């Protein structure tokens, strides 16, 4: 009996067209935020609140709270990180921790003090700001030397800003809205913080506020140390 052997092939081709590709990022990229929940994240330090609003993570400051951090449950060493960030209030200083960890908790502390390199997020204002420079949170202060920490107007106040962070060994580079801002090699900090979590900071504001900051499109690509 004659059979139409082309039918199964045609069906497979139709399915291949109809079905979407596997929901994974291209070229090794992985989304850290699913746009709906805070799965994969945990808050350490502070009383600021973090919630998902319209596909973004919104952090809101709390009065009399120390710095707050929403941190990835996973640690990362060498990587390329991208995210968008928007300050709803220019009075709020913020940042993104990289390769960070926590010190041993004291007293009734649950997590201990978050510490490690931080990529600065700050409104430019009229004179510019330190956005994109590196600060060693709770472990030494500014990593970017004073003479190189020149205020720049690369951060767009009240708008979404795109950050790109490339961390390879002791070298860390930062771009904001496509403009290179930071390129530093810090062997001392790399020795103490070769890997760690990513953290979204809401800075303490004393008795002011509440102020808000939001992040979206947070993704990371883990790099081989040899790359």
Foldseek 3Di string as FASTA:
>chain_A
DDDDPCVVVVVVVVVVVVDDDDPQDPPQKHFCAPLQANPQKDKFFWDWDWDRDRSKIKTWADAPGAKIKIKGPDKAFFKKKKKKKAWQDQVWKWWKFWLWAADDDDDPGDGHHIWAKTQTDHAQPPQAAQGRFIATPPPDGGPPDPVLSHGDHLDDHRDIKMKMWGHAQQWIWIDINNHTRDTDGDNVRCVVRRMGIMIIIGHHDHRDDGTMMIMHPIMMGHDDNVD
